[in-house]
C-alpha cells in the first residue's frame, strides 16, 4: 500500500525483522508519523543480569514519498 493510502492507526511493517512493526500515529502537514517499540541490551552485565533498554521510536515519511508498506491491520480510529 502506498504511504498516501494509509489511515490513522494502521499497523504496518516498516522493515523486516524484530521490532519492524509500527503504527501510524499522525497524518498531517504532508507527513505520516509512525511509532514503534524497540529493545536494546547493553554489551555488559551487572550482577548476573542483562541491562535492557526499552523505548518508543518515531519515524516520519513525506506523504508524496513512493514508499510502500505492508498493512497488517487497518486503523479503526476516526
Protein backbone atom coordinates (compact mmCIF):
# COMPACT_ATOMS: atom_id res chain seq x y z
CA UNK A 1 0.00 0.00 0.00
CA UNK A 2 1.31 3.46 -0.84
CA UNK A 3 2.03 5.79 2.03
CA UNK A 4 -0.63 8.22 0.76
CA UNK A 5 -3.29 5.48 1.27
CA UNK A 6 -2.52 4.88 4.95
CA UNK A 7 -5.01 5.74 7.69
CA UNK A 8 -4.55 6.73 11.32
CA UNK A 9 -3.96 3.64 13.46
CA UNK A 10 -2.84 1.36 10.60
CA UNK A 11 -0.29 -1.25 11.69
CA UNK A 12 2.45 -1.67 9.09
CA UNK A 13 5.83 -3.31 8.57
CA UNK A 14 8.50 -0.55 8.39
CA UNK A 15 11.27 -3.08 7.87
CA UNK A 16 11.67 -6.83 8.16
CA UNK A 17 12.98 -8.31 11.36
CA UNK A 18 12.38 -7.87 15.04
CA UNK A 19 10.53 -4.71 16.04
CA UNK A 20 9.86 -3.63 12.46
CA UNK A 21 6.13 -3.31 13.11
CA UNK A 22 4.88 0.24 13.55
CA UNK A 23 1.58 2.09 13.97
CA UNK A 24 0.50 5.25 12.12
CA UNK A 25 0.47 7.95 14.82
CA UNK A 26 -0.38 11.04 12.81
CA UNK A 27 -1.04 12.24 9.27
CA UNK A 28 -0.65 16.00 8.90
CA UNK A 29 1.34 18.75 7.23
CA UNK A 30 2.22 16.43 4.34
CA UNK A 31 3.84 13.84 6.62
CA UNK A 32 2.97 10.44 8.10
CA UNK A 33 4.48 9.69 11.52
CA UNK A 34 4.81 6.13 12.81
CA UNK A 35 5.76 4.87 16.25
CA UNK A 36 7.24 1.52 17.20
CA UNK A 37 8.65 -0.08 20.32
CA UNK A 38 12.28 -1.04 20.49
CA UNK A 39 14.50 -3.01 22.83
CA UNK A 40 18.28 -2.97 23.15
CA UNK A 41 20.65 -4.58 25.61
CA UNK A 42 23.91 -3.28 26.97
CA UNK A 43 27.10 -5.05 25.95
CA UNK A 44 27.85 -5.82 29.60
CA UNK A 45 26.01 -7.34 32.55
CA UNK A 46 25.70 -6.31 36.14
CA UNK A 47 25.28 -8.81 38.95
CA UNK A 48 24.49 -11.63 36.53
CA UNK A 49 21.61 -9.83 34.80
CA UNK A 50 21.38 -8.16 31.42
CA UNK A 51 20.58 -4.47 31.28
CA UNK A 52 17.69 -3.86 28.88
CA UNK A 53 16.63 -0.56 27.39
CA UNK A 54 13.11 -0.15 26.03
CA UNK A 55 11.50 2.80 24.37
CA UNK A 56 9.43 4.12 21.51
CA UNK A 57 10.89 5.42 18.27
CA UNK A 58 9.06 7.81 15.95
CA UNK A 59 9.70 7.80 12.21
CA UNK A 60 8.30 10.33 9.73
CA UNK A 61 7.87 9.98 5.96
CA UNK A 62 6.58 12.57 3.50
CA UNK A 63 3.15 11.81 2.03
CA UNK A 64 4.43 12.24 -1.53
CA UNK A 65 7.05 9.52 -0.97
CA UNK A 66 6.81 6.46 -3.22
CA UNK A 67 7.41 4.27 -0.14
CA UNK A 68 5.12 1.23 0.10
CA UNK A 69 4.20 -0.67 3.26
CA UNK A 70 2.52 -3.96 4.05
CA UNK A 71 -0.52 -3.24 6.21
CA UNK A 72 -1.31 -5.87 8.85
CA UNK A 73 -4.33 -4.20 10.38
CA UNK A 74 -6.42 -1.27 9.25
CA UNK A 75 -6.79 1.56 11.73
CA UNK A 76 -10.12 1.98 13.41
CA UNK A 77 -9.52 5.48 14.75
CA UNK A 78 -11.69 8.26 13.36
